[in-house]
Amino acid sequence: MADDDDQVVFNQEDGLPYSKGLMAQALMGSGVSPERAYAVAAALERMLGETDTRTVTLAGLREAACTTLGTTEGEGVIARFLQRQRLSHLDRPLIVLIGGTTGVGKSTLATQLAHRLGITRVVGTDTIRQVMRAFFAPELMPAIHYSSFAAADSVRIPVPRTTDLTRAGFIEQTKSVAVGMNAIVQRAVEEAQSMIAEGVHLVPGFLEHVDYHDALIMEFILKIDDADAHRSHFYVREWETGGIRPLRRYIQSFAQIRSLQKYIVARAAQHGVPVFDNVSIDLTVKAVMGEILQAVSRYPIQTAVREGG
């Protein structure tokens, strides 16, 4: 533990002044809430101001964390902080896939994770579908020209009367978008670039994970069990976008959106993909970060770094 405590986690000799923002970001990547992360970062700033030292060691960070958060929580933060440090030294890229039906908070979670993990590449499957629309006319690939919850209108072949058209159209749409998603993930793996992808089309079982053995793939599904809470997200979305994403359209299709959630969650259970009920984005971010850091701790880091590089 003594050697670990001497580990330098910040060094002003590198020519940069201490940054509360950067330290808080690193702490948030360890599962600390923004408010508490900035409190610890401020405590470290005071500590640096009271001494002549120009470095922060793990021991100093531990002292600030335990003083600010309490011993139990502080030690937990330090353990996760060390796991977070491993992430930048993994011997493979991290690919995080976030799926779920419309309006469950996928893009919000992706943005929060990207900030905490220091990942700059974030892709939405809606963007992939929009690009594909430019290349494939409705006559050639009708499914991609509809919203996920309106994909029933894209079914052009005779089907049994008992067929769930919304689900059938959505599956066809997901298969098409998965082609583009697979190509983007494969490119990230080849370039050894970590990436976060989010979207309704990230349905468990549709991506070719067998081709991604050079990456750490983390797949999650979001849901909102409470229908009223789910519906309220669309009111917030309309307000935040100034009506660009109109409420009426989603409310009129709410039954279809909920039906797709049931299908996606069932697929997640079939494929062993974790599902999180997104009742609180802060709690969801903390839970997902915990899953990612636990996975990172099981993978090797680059040899040069392990040897002290």
C-alpha atoms as a PDB file:
ATOM      1  CA  MET A   1       0.000   0.000   0.000  1.00  0.00           C
ATOM      2  CA  ALA A   2       2.931   2.336   0.713  1.00  0.00           C
ATOM      3  CA  ASP A   3       4.070   2.132  -2.910  1.00  0.00           C
ATOM      4  CA  ASP A   4       0.526   2.836  -4.092  1.00  0.00           C
ATOM      5  CA  ASP A   5       0.261   5.815  -1.735  1.00  0.00           C
ATOM      6  CA  ASP A   6       3.423   7.304  -3.283  1.00  0.00           C
ATOM      7  CA  GLN A   7       1.857   7.113  -6.752  1.00  0.00           C
ATOM      8  CA  VAL A   8       1.630  10.633  -8.248  1.00  0.00           C
ATOM      9  CA  VAL A   9      -1.819  11.437  -9.586  1.00  0.00           C
ATOM     10  CA  PHE A  10      -1.084  15.087 -10.450  1.00  0.00           C
ATOM     11  CA  ASN A  11       2.213  16.853 -11.188  1.00  0.00           C
ATOM     12  CA  GLN A  12       2.562  20.616 -11.698  1.00  0.00           C
ATOM     13  CA  GLU A  13       6.106  20.055 -12.954  1.00  0.00           C
ATOM     14  CA  ASP A  14       4.481  19.104 -16.262  1.00  0.00           C
ATOM     15  CA  GLY A  15       3.887  22.826 -16.768  1.00  0.00           C
ATOM     16  CA  LEU A  16       0.137  22.934 -16.116  1.00  0.00           C
ATOM     17  CA  PRO A  17      -1.480  24.493 -13.037  1.00  0.00           C
ATOM     18  CA  TYR A  18      -3.739  22.365 -10.893  1.00  0.00           C
ATOM     19  CA  SER A  19      -7.235  22.189 -12.373  1.00  0.00           C
ATOM     20  CA  LYS A  20     -10.228  21.524 -10.153  1.00  0.00           C
ATOM     21  CA  GLY A  21     -12.253  20.778 -13.261  1.00  0.00           C
ATOM     22  CA  LEU A  22      -9.931  18.069 -14.538  1.00  0.00           C
ATOM     23  CA  MET A  23      -9.559  16.507 -11.095  1.00  0.00           C
ATOM     24  CA  ALA A  24     -13.338  16.592 -10.601  1.00  0.00           C
ATOM     25  CA  GLN A  25     -13.792  14.935 -14.001  1.00  0.00           C
ATOM     26  CA  ALA A  26     -11.401  12.154 -12.984  1.00  0.00           C
ATOM     27  CA  LEU A  27     -13.290  11.697  -9.712  1.00  0.00           C
ATOM     28  CA  MET A  28     -16.655  11.644 -11.494  1.00  0.00           C
ATOM     29  CA  GLY A  29     -15.178   8.884 -13.616  1.00  0.00           C
ATOM     30  CA  SER A  30     -14.805   7.020 -10.315  1.00  0.00           C
ATOM     31  CA  GLY A  31     -18.535   7.207  -9.651  1.00  0.00           C
ATOM     32  CA  VAL A  32     -18.597  10.377  -7.518  1.00  0.00           C
ATOM     33  CA  SER A  33     -21.451  12.840  -8.032  1.00  0.00           C
ATOM     34  CA  PRO A  34     -20.422  16.170  -9.627  1.00  0.00           C
ATOM     35  CA  GLU A  35     -21.032  18.138  -6.420  1.00  0.00           C
ATOM     36  CA  ARG A  36     -18.970  15.819  -4.234  1.00  0.00           C
ATOM     37  CA  ALA A  37     -16.269  15.464  -6.885  1.00  0.00           C
ATOM     38  CA  TYR A  38     -15.774  19.243  -6.963  1.00  0.00           C
ATOM     39  CA  ALA A  39     -15.716  19.308  -3.146  1.00  0.00           C
ATOM     40  CA  VAL A  40     -12.810  16.835  -3.096  1.00  0.00           C
ATOM     41  CA  ALA A  41     -11.067  18.707  -5.935  1.00  0.00           C
ATOM     42  CA  ALA A  42     -11.412  21.965  -3.949  1.00  0.00           C
ATOM     43  CA  ALA A  43      -9.975  20.256  -0.844  1.00  0.00           C
ATOM     44  CA  LEU A  44      -6.946  19.201  -2.893  1.00  0.00           C
ATOM     45  CA  GLU A  45      -6.538  22.769  -4.147  1.00  0.00           C
ATOM     46  CA  ARG A  46      -6.488  24.052  -0.570  1.00  0.00           C
ATOM     47  CA  MET A  47      -3.958  21.378   0.383  1.00  0.00           C
ATOM     48  CA  LEU A  48      -1.661  22.439  -2.457  1.00  0.00           C
ATOM     49  CA  GLY A  49      -2.037  26.067  -1.444  1.00  0.00           C
ATOM     50  CA  GLU A  50      -1.024  25.335   2.134  1.00  0.00           C
ATOM     51  CA  THR A  51       2.177  23.457   1.217  1.00  0.00           C
ATOM     52  CA  ASP A  52       5.127  23.914  -1.090  1.00  0.00           C
ATOM     53  CA  THR A  53       4.514  20.598  -2.838  1.00  0.00           C
ATOM     54  CA  ARG A  54       3.752  20.644  -6.557  1.00  0.00           C
ATOM     55  CA  THR A  55       2.426  17.117  -6.775  1.00  0.00           C
ATOM     56  CA  VAL A  56      -0.584  15.209  -5.498  1.00  0.00           C
ATOM     57  CA  THR A  57       0.059  11.625  -4.481  1.00  0.00           C
ATOM     58  CA  LEU A  58      -2.506   8.932  -4.001  1.00  0.00           C
ATOM     59  CA  ALA A  59      -2.031   9.396  -0.253  1.00  0.00           C
ATOM     60  CA  GLY A  60      -2.942  13.078  -0.584  1.00  0.00           C
ATOM     61  CA  LEU A  61      -5.970  12.256  -2.696  1.00  0.00           C
ATOM     62  CA  ARG A  62      -7.024   9.612  -0.164  1.00  0.00           C
ATOM     63  CA  GLU A  63      -6.745  12.121   2.692  1.00  0.00           C
ATOM     64  CA  ALA A  64      -8.824  14.715   0.844  1.00  0.00           C
ATOM     65  CA  ALA A  65     -11.436  12.152  -0.202  1.00  0.00           C
ATOM     66  CA  CYS A  66     -11.793  10.661   3.273  1.00  0.00           C
ATOM     67  CA  THR A  67     -11.932  14.092   4.934  1.00  0.00           C
ATOM     68  CA  THR A  68     -14.565  15.349   2.490  1.00  0.00           C
ATOM     69  CA  LEU A  69     -16.638  12.213   1.958  1.00  0.00           C
ATOM     70  CA  GLY A  70     -15.985  10.148   5.094  1.00  0.00           C
ATOM     71  CA  THR A  71     -13.656   7.189   5.458  1.00  0.00           C
ATOM     72  CA  THR A  72     -15.944   4.521   4.003  1.00  0.00           C
ATOM     73  CA  GLU A  73     -17.013   6.452   0.920  1.00  0.00           C
ATOM     74  CA  GLY A  74     -13.554   7.974   0.522  1.00  0.00           C
ATOM     75  CA  GLU A  75     -11.822   4.596   0.430  1.00  0.00           C
ATOM     76  CA  GLY A  76     -14.396   3.356  -2.063  1.00  0.00           C
ATOM     77  CA  VAL A  77     -13.652   6.347  -4.284  1.00  0.00           C
ATOM     78  CA  ILE A  78      -9.924   5.621  -4.149  1.00  0.00           C
ATOM     79  CA  ALA A  79     -10.480   1.996  -5.165  1.00  0.00           C
ATOM     80  CA  ARG A  80     -12.622   3.073  -8.129  1.00  0.00           C
ATOM     81  CA  PHE A  81     -10.158   5.869  -8.964  1.00  0.00           C
ATOM     82  CA  LEU A  82      -7.406   3.270  -9.370  1.00  0.00           C
ATOM     83  CA  GLN A  83      -9.724   1.220 -11.595  1.00  0.00           C
ATOM     84  CA  ARG A  84     -10.448   4.369 -13.634  1.00  0.00           C
ATOM     85  CA  GLN A  85      -6.709   4.988 -14.067  1.00  0.00           C
ATOM     86  CA  ARG A  86      -6.381   1.558 -15.693  1.00  0.00           C
ATOM     87  CA  LEU A  87      -8.855   2.555 -18.388  1.00  0.00           C
ATOM     88  CA  SER A  88      -6.435   4.883 -20.190  1.00  0.00           C
ATOM     89  CA  HIS A  89      -3.827   2.088 -20.213  1.00  0.00           C
ATOM     90  CA  LEU A  90      -5.982  -0.799 -21.453  1.00  0.00           C
ATOM     91  CA  ASP A  91      -4.395  -2.911 -24.148  1.00  0.00           C
ATOM     92  CA  ARG A  92      -7.617  -2.665 -26.195  1.00  0.00           C
ATOM     93  CA  PRO A  93     -10.311  -0.062 -26.951  1.00  0.00           C
ATOM     94  CA  LEU A  94     -13.484   0.189 -24.862  1.00  0.00           C
ATOM     95  CA  ILE A  95     -16.737   0.065 -26.842  1.00  0.00           C
ATOM     96  CA  VAL A  96     -19.877   0.965 -24.861  1.00  0.00           C
ATOM     97  CA  LEU A  97     -23.260   0.184 -26.468  1.00  0.00           C
ATOM     98  CA  ILE A  98     -26.411   1.720 -24.950  1.00  0.00           C
ATOM     99  CA  GLY A  99     -29.778   0.543 -26.231  1.00  0.00           C
ATOM    100  CA  GLY A 100     -33.400   0.992 -25.251  1.00  0.00           C
ATOM    101  CA  THR A 101     -36.668   2.245 -26.659  1.00  0.00           C
ATOM    102  CA  THR A 102     -37.398   5.881 -27.484  1.00  0.00           C
ATOM    103  CA  GLY A 103     -37.332   8.358 -24.589  1.00  0.00           C
ATOM    104  CA  VAL A 104     -35.541   6.353 -21.875  1.00  0.00           C
ATOM    105  CA  GLY A 105     -32.447   8.590 -21.635  1.00  0.00           C
ATOM    106  CA  LYS A 106     -29.906   6.843 -23.879  1.00  0.00           C
ATOM    107  CA  SER A 107     -28.279   9.969 -25.298  1.00  0.00           C
ATOM    108  CA  THR A 108     -28.113  11.608 -21.862  1.00  0.00           C
ATOM    109  CA  LEU A 109     -26.386   8.557 -20.412  1.00  0.00           C
ATOM    110  CA  ALA A 110     -23.979   8.399 -23.375  1.00  0.00           C
ATOM    111  CA  THR A 111     -23.004  12.055 -22.894  1.00  0.00           C
ATOM    112  CA  GLN A 112     -22.472  11.612 -19.153  1.00  0.00           C
ATOM    113  CA  LEU A 113     -20.361   8.484 -19.639  1.00  0.00           C
ATOM    114  CA  ALA A 114     -18.280  10.104 -22.377  1.00  0.00           C
ATOM    115  CA  HIS A 115     -17.410  12.988 -20.051  1.00  0.00           C
ATOM    116  CA  ARG A 116     -16.477  10.717 -17.159  1.00  0.00           C
ATOM    117  CA  LEU A 117     -14.519   8.244 -19.252  1.00  0.00           C
ATOM    118  CA  GLY A 118     -12.759  10.821 -21.395  1.00  0.00           C
ATOM    119  CA  ILE A 119     -14.144   9.295 -24.610  1.00  0.00           C
ATOM    120  CA  THR A 120     -14.587  11.719 -27.508  1.00  0.00           C
ATOM    121  CA  ARG A 121     -16.191   9.414 -30.063  1.00  0.00           C
ATOM    122  CA  VAL A 122     -19.978   9.188 -29.498  1.00  0.00           C
ATOM    123  CA  VAL A 123     -22.271   7.830 -32.226  1.00  0.00           C
ATOM    124  CA  GLY A 124     -26.065   7.601 -32.395  1.00  0.00           C
ATOM    125  CA  THR A 125     -27.806   4.969 -34.496  1.00  0.00           C
ATOM    126  CA  ASP A 126     -30.279   7.613 -35.692  1.00  0.00           C
ATOM    127  CA  THR A 127     -27.339   9.306 -37.441  1.00  0.00           C
ATOM    128  CA  ILE A 128     -26.439   6.049 -39.168  1.00  0.00           C
ATOM    129  CA  ARG A 129     -30.029   5.589 -40.271  1.00  0.00           C
ATOM    130  CA  GLN A 130     -30.156   9.163 -41.618  1.00  0.00           C
ATOM    131  CA  VAL A 131     -27.027   8.584 -43.704  1.00  0.00           C
ATOM    132  CA  MET A 132     -28.470   5.331 -45.039  1.00  0.00           C
ATOM    133  CA  ARG A 133     -31.648   7.163 -46.027  1.00  0.00           C
ATOM    134  CA  ALA A 134     -29.591   9.347 -48.350  1.00  0.00           C
ATOM    135  CA  PHE A 135     -28.278   6.307 -50.209  1.00  0.00           C
ATOM    136  CA  PHE A 136     -31.275   3.970 -50.234  1.00  0.00           C
ATOM    137  CA  ALA A 137     -34.627   5.055 -51.631  1.00  0.00           C
ATOM    138  CA  PRO A 138     -37.820   4.033 -49.809  1.00  0.00           C
ATOM    139  CA  GLU A 139     -38.540   1.555 -52.592  1.00  0.00           C
ATOM    140  CA  LEU A 140     -35.247  -0.269 -51.928  1.00  0.00           C
ATOM    141  CA  MET A 141     -35.108  -0.122 -48.117  1.00  0.00           C
ATOM    142  CA  PRO A 142     -38.455   1.110 -46.761  1.00  0.00           C
ATOM    143  CA  ALA A 143     -37.850   0.306 -43.066  1.00  0.00           C
ATOM    144  CA  ILE A 144     -35.148   2.945 -42.516  1.00  0.00           C
ATOM    145  CA  HIS A 145     -37.439   5.718 -43.743  1.00  0.00           C
ATOM    146  CA  TYR A 146     -39.732   5.437 -40.716  1.00  0.00           C
ATOM    147  CA  SER A 147     -39.307   6.138 -37.033  1.00  0.00           C
ATOM    148  CA  SER A 148     -38.643   3.020 -34.961  1.00  0.00           C
ATOM    149  CA  PHE A 149     -42.113   3.123 -33.419  1.00  0.00           C
ATOM    150  CA  ALA A 150     -43.803   3.742 -36.788  1.00  0.00           C
ATOM    151  CA  ALA A 151     -41.966   1.006 -38.671  1.00  0.00           C
ATOM    152  CA  ALA A 152     -45.206  -0.975 -39.042  1.00  0.00           C
ATOM    153  CA  ASP A 153     -45.949   1.193 -42.086  1.00  0.00           C
ATOM    154  CA  SER A 154     -42.813  -0.146 -43.788  1.00  0.00           C
ATOM    155  CA  VAL A 155     -44.031  -3.757 -43.897  1.00  0.00           C
ATOM    156  CA  ARG A 156     -44.872  -4.290 -47.569  1.00  0.00           C
ATOM    157  CA  ILE A 157     -45.204  -8.086 -47.753  1.00  0.00           C
ATOM    158  CA  PRO A 158     -48.206 -10.210 -46.740  1.00  0.00           C
ATOM    159  CA  VAL A 159     -47.906 -11.444 -43.148  1.00  0.00           C
ATOM    160  CA  PRO A 160     -50.197 -13.474 -40.880  1.00  0.00           C
ATOM    161  CA  ARG A 161     -52.993 -11.440 -39.328  1.00  0.00           C
ATOM    162  CA  THR A 162     -51.585 -12.068 -35.836  1.00  0.00           C
ATOM    163  CA  THR A 163     -48.188 -10.502 -36.711  1.00  0.00           C
ATOM    164  CA  ASP A 164     -47.096  -7.540 -34.568  1.00  0.00           C
ATOM    165  CA  LEU A 165     -46.384  -5.143 -37.431  1.00  0.00           C
ATOM    166  CA  THR A 166     -44.599  -2.611 -35.213  1.00  0.00           C
ATOM    167  CA  ARG A 167     -42.173  -5.265 -34.040  1.00  0.00           C
ATOM    168  CA  ALA A 168     -41.745  -6.768 -37.526  1.00  0.00           C
ATOM    169  CA  GLY A 169     -40.947  -3.384 -39.070  1.00  0.00           C
ATOM    170  CA  PHE A 170     -38.602  -2.485 -36.221  1.00  0.00           C
ATOM    171  CA  ILE A 171     -36.689  -5.767 -36.560  1.00  0.00           C
ATOM    172  CA  GLU A 172     -36.203  -5.158 -40.268  1.00  0.00           C
ATOM    173  CA  GLN A 173     -35.041  -1.610 -39.554  1.00  0.00           C
ATOM    174  CA  THR A 174     -32.641  -2.817 -36.844  1.00  0.00           C
ATOM    175  CA  LYS A 175     -31.116  -5.406 -39.175  1.00  0.00           C
ATOM    176  CA  SER A 176     -30.420  -2.675 -41.737  1.00  0.00           C
ATOM    177  CA  VAL A 177     -28.932  -0.189 -39.258  1.00  0.00           C
ATOM    178  CA  ALA A 178     -26.838  -2.960 -37.676  1.00  0.00           C
ATOM    179  CA  VAL A 179     -24.864  -3.230 -40.945  1.00  0.00           C
ATOM    180  CA  GLY A 180     -23.722   0.384 -40.609  1.00  0.00           C
ATOM    181  CA  MET A 181     -23.181   0.064 -36.857  1.00  0.00           C
ATOM    182  CA  ASN A 182     -21.005  -3.003 -37.312  1.00  0.00           C
ATOM    183  CA  ALA A 183     -18.832  -1.117 -39.806  1.00  0.00           C
ATOM    184  CA  ILE A 184     -18.363   1.828 -37.436  1.00  0.00           C
ATOM    185  CA  VAL A 185     -17.484  -0.387 -34.478  1.00  0.00           C
ATOM    186  CA  GLN A 186     -15.091  -2.414 -36.599  1.00  0.00           C
ATOM    187  CA  ARG A 187     -13.341   0.800 -37.672  1.00  0.00           C
ATOM    188  CA  ALA A 188     -12.994   1.908 -34.044  1.00  0.00           C
ATOM    189  CA  VAL A 189     -11.520  -1.480 -33.119  1.00  0.00           C
ATOM    190  CA  GLU A 190      -9.038  -1.347 -36.012  1.00  0.00           C
ATOM    191  CA  GLU A 191      -7.960   2.157 -34.960  1.00  0.00           C
ATOM    192  CA  ALA A 192      -7.866   1.160 -31.261  1.00  0.00           C
ATOM    193  CA  GLN A 193     -10.223   4.057 -30.473  1.00  0.00           C
ATOM    194  CA  SER A 194     -12.675   3.815 -27.600  1.00  0.00           C
ATOM    195  CA  MET A 195     -16.242   4.697 -28.511  1.00  0.00           C
ATOM    196  CA  ILE A 196     -19.750   5.055 -27.097  1.00  0.00           C
ATOM    197  CA  ALA A 197     -22.754   4.225 -29.276  1.00  0.00           C
ATOM    198  CA  GLU A 198     -26.379   4.763 -28.336  1.00  0.00           C
ATOM    199  CA  GLY A 199     -29.681   4.177 -30.011  1.00  0.00           C
ATOM    200  CA  VAL A 200     -32.885   2.221 -30.177  1.00  0.00           C
ATOM    201  CA  HIS A 201     -31.346  -0.059 -32.811  1.00  0.00           C
ATOM    202  CA  LEU A 202     -28.690  -1.443 -30.450  1.00  0.00           C
ATOM    203  CA  VAL A 203     -30.795  -4.503 -29.756  1.00  0.00           C
ATOM    204  CA  PRO A 204     -28.931  -7.426 -28.124  1.00  0.00           C
ATOM    205  CA  GLY A 205     -28.096 -10.151 -30.607  1.00  0.00           C
ATOM    206  CA  PHE A 206     -27.998  -8.019 -33.758  1.00  0.00           C
ATOM    207  CA  LEU A 207     -24.341  -6.941 -33.691  1.00  0.00           C
ATOM    208  CA  GLU A 208     -21.515  -9.257 -34.685  1.00  0.00           C
ATOM    209  CA  HIS A 209     -19.579  -9.326 -31.407  1.00  0.00           C
ATOM    210  CA  VAL A 210     -17.548 -12.266 -32.623  1.00  0.00           C
ATOM    211  CA  ASP A 211     -15.605  -9.821 -34.819  1.00  0.00           C
ATOM    212  CA  TYR A 212     -14.713  -7.557 -31.902  1.00  0.00           C
ATOM    213  CA  HIS A 213     -12.315  -9.770 -29.928  1.00  0.00           C
ATOM    214  CA  ASP A 214      -9.701  -6.969 -29.963  1.00  0.00           C
ATOM    215  CA  ALA A 215     -12.002  -4.709 -27.932  1.00  0.00           C
ATOM    216  CA  LEU A 216     -13.706  -4.621 -24.561  1.00  0.00           C
ATOM    217  CA  ILE A 217     -17.406  -4.536 -25.447  1.00  0.00           C
ATOM    218  CA  MET A 218     -19.827  -3.321 -22.759  1.00  0.00           C
ATOM    219  CA  GLU A 219     -23.505  -3.528 -23.679  1.00  0.00           C
ATOM    220  CA  PHE A 220     -26.373  -2.036 -21.655  1.00  0.00           C
ATOM    221  CA  ILE A 221     -30.113  -1.573 -22.081  1.00  0.00           C
ATOM    222  CA  LEU A 222     -32.094   1.253 -20.486  1.00  0.00           C
ATOM    223  CA  LYS A 223     -35.772   1.020 -19.654  1.00  0.00           C
ATOM    224  CA  ILE A 224     -38.355   2.955 -17.669  1.00  0.00           C
ATOM    225  CA  ASP A 225     -40.801   0.599 -15.982  1.00  0.00           C
ATOM    226  CA  ASP A 226     -43.212   3.313 -14.833  1.00  0.00           C
ATOM    227  CA  ALA A 227     -45.305   4.376 -17.842  1.00  0.00           C
ATOM    228  CA  ASP A 228     -46.125   7.819 -16.433  1.00  0.00           C
ATOM    229  CA  ALA A 229     -42.457   8.536 -15.737  1.00  0.00           C
ATOM    230  CA  HIS A 230     -41.605   7.403 -19.249  1.00  0.00           C
ATOM    231  CA  ARG A 231     -44.299   9.624 -20.757  1.00  0.00           C
ATOM    232  CA  SER A 232     -43.006  12.628 -18.820  1.00  0.00           C
ATOM    233  CA  HIS A 233     -39.649  12.359 -20.612  1.00  0.00           C
ATOM    234  CA  PHE A 234     -41.325  13.437 -23.848  1.00  0.00           C
ATOM    235  CA  TYR A 235     -42.702  16.597 -22.229  1.00  0.00           C
ATOM    236  CA  VAL A 236     -39.175  17.473 -21.119  1.00  0.00           C
ATOM    237  CA  ARG A 237     -37.773  16.624 -24.558  1.00  0.00           C
ATOM    238  CA  GLU A 238     -40.236  18.946 -26.319  1.00  0.00           C
ATOM    239  CA  TRP A 239     -39.345  21.787 -23.955  1.00  0.00           C
ATOM    240  CA  GLU A 240     -35.585  21.243 -24.305  1.00  0.00           C
ATOM    241  CA  THR A 241     -35.715  21.161 -28.116  1.00  0.00           C
ATOM    242  CA  GLY A 242     -38.148  24.057 -28.475  1.00  0.00           C
ATOM    243  CA  GLY A 243     -40.709  21.835 -30.169  1.00  0.00           C
ATOM    244  CA  ILE A 244     -38.314  20.409 -32.781  1.00  0.00           C
ATOM    245  CA  ARG A 245     -39.208  16.971 -31.410  1.00  0.00           C
ATOM    246  CA  PRO A 246     -42.972  17.512 -30.923  1.00  0.00           C
ATOM    247  CA  LEU A 247     -44.715  15.891 -27.985  1.00  0.00           C
ATOM    248  CA  ARG A 248     -47.876  14.849 -29.852  1.00  0.00           C
ATOM    249  CA  ARG A 249     -46.020  12.499 -32.181  1.00  0.00           C
ATOM    250  CA  TYR A 250     -44.549  10.496 -29.307  1.00  0.00           C
ATOM    251  CA  ILE A 251     -47.664  10.466 -27.160  1.00  0.00           C
ATOM    252  CA  GLN A 252     -49.784   9.223 -30.066  1.00  0.00           C
ATOM    253  CA  SER A 253     -47.308   6.362 -30.559  1.00  0.00           C
ATOM    254  CA  PHE A 254     -46.701   5.707 -26.871  1.00  0.00           C
ATOM    255  CA  ALA A 255     -48.253   2.221 -26.947  1.00  0.00           C
ATOM    256  CA  GLN A 256     -45.900   1.217 -29.768  1.00  0.00           C
ATOM    257  CA  ILE A 257     -42.906   2.702 -27.936  1.00  0.00           C
ATOM    258  CA  ARG A 258     -43.774   0.695 -24.817  1.00  0.00           C
ATOM    259  CA  SER A 259     -44.253  -2.430 -26.915  1.00  0.00           C
ATOM    260  CA  LEU A 260     -40.751  -2.036 -28.345  1.00  0.00           C
ATOM    261  CA  GLN A 261     -39.377  -1.638 -24.833  1.00  0.00           C
ATOM    262  CA  LYS A 262     -40.890  -4.981 -23.885  1.00  0.00           C
ATOM    263  CA  TYR A 263     -39.282  -6.611 -26.935  1.00  0.00           C
ATOM    264  CA  ILE A 264     -35.825  -5.047 -26.349  1.00  0.00           C
ATOM    265  CA  VAL A 265     -35.786  -5.957 -22.648  1.00  0.00           C
ATOM    266  CA  ALA A 266     -36.759  -9.543 -23.522  1.00  0.00           C
ATOM    267  CA  ARG A 267     -33.865  -9.708 -26.005  1.00  0.00           C
ATOM    268  CA  ALA A 268     -31.524  -8.419 -23.306  1.00  0.00           C
ATOM    269  CA  ALA A 269     -32.627 -11.217 -20.974  1.00  0.00           C
ATOM    270  CA  GLN A 270     -32.009 -13.783 -23.737  1.00  0.00           C
ATOM    271  CA  HIS A 271     -28.467 -12.530 -24.342  1.00  0.00           C
ATOM    272  CA  GLY A 272     -27.454 -11.749 -20.755  1.00  0.00           C
ATOM    273  CA  VAL A 273     -27.224  -7.989 -21.265  1.00  0.00           C
ATOM    274  CA  PRO A 274     -27.663  -5.831 -18.119  1.00  0.00           C
ATOM    275  CA  VAL A 275     -30.868  -3.771 -18.004  1.00  0.00           C
ATOM    276  CA  PHE A 276     -31.164  -0.599 -15.904  1.00  0.00           C
ATOM    277  CA  ASP A 277     -34.442   1.033 -14.909  1.00  0.00           C
ATOM    278  CA  ASN A 278     -33.559   4.690 -15.476  1.00  0.00           C
ATOM    279  CA  VAL A 279     -35.546   6.265 -12.641  1.00  0.00           C
ATOM    280  CA  SER A 280     -32.618   8.621 -11.902  1.00  0.00           C
ATOM    281  CA  ILE A 281     -29.902   9.483 -14.400  1.00  0.00           C
ATOM    282  CA  ASP A 282     -27.386  10.062 -11.577  1.00  0.00           C
ATOM    283  CA  LEU A 283     -28.011   6.595 -10.143  1.00  0.00           C
ATOM    284  CA  THR A 284     -27.914   5.026 -13.606  1.00  0.00           C
ATOM    285  CA  VAL A 285     -24.606   6.705 -14.463  1.00  0.00           C
ATOM    286  CA  LYS A 286     -23.117   5.486 -11.174  1.00  0.00           C
ATOM    287  CA  ALA A 287     -24.357   1.925 -11.734  1.00  0.00           C
ATOM    288  CA  VAL A 288     -23.137   1.731 -15.331  1.00  0.00           C
ATOM    289  CA  MET A 289     -19.774   3.272 -14.399  1.00  0.00           C
ATOM    290  CA  GLY A 290     -19.457   0.593 -11.715  1.00  0.00           C
ATOM    291  CA  GLU A 291     -20.053  -2.151 -14.288  1.00  0.00           C
ATOM    292  CA  ILE A 292     -17.506  -0.656 -16.677  1.00  0.00           C
ATOM    293  CA  LEU A 293     -14.802  -0.181 -14.032  1.00  0.00           C
ATOM    294  CA  GLN A 294     -15.283  -3.722 -12.749  1.00  0.00           C
ATOM    295  CA  ALA A 295     -14.831  -5.043 -16.295  1.00  0.00           C
ATOM    296  CA  VAL A 296     -11.768  -2.860 -16.870  1.00  0.00           C
ATOM    297  CA  SER A 297     -10.121  -4.264 -13.729  1.00  0.00           C
ATOM    298  CA  ARG A 298     -10.246  -7.768 -15.246  1.00  0.00           C
ATOM    299  CA  TYR A 299      -8.371  -6.833 -18.428  1.00  0.00           C
ATOM    300  CA  PRO A 300      -4.602  -6.427 -18.854  1.00  0.00           C
ATOM    301  CA  ILE A 301      -2.983  -3.027 -19.289  1.00  0.00           C
ATOM    302  CA  GLN A 302      -0.174  -2.101 -21.653  1.00  0.00           C
ATOM    303  CA  THR A 303       3.136  -3.661 -20.628  1.00  0.00           C
ATOM    304  CA  ALA A 304       5.094  -0.389 -20.700  1.00  0.00           C
ATOM    305  CA  VAL A 305       2.654   1.239 -18.300  1.00  0.00           C
ATOM    306  CA  ARG A 306       2.552  -1.803 -16.027  1.00  0.00           C
ATOM    307  CA  GLU A 307       6.327  -1.592 -15.716  1.00  0.00           C
ATOM    308  CA  GLY A 308       6.174   2.033 -14.662  1.00  0.00           C
ATOM    309  CA  GLY A 309       6.064   3.856 -18.005  1.00  0.00           C
END
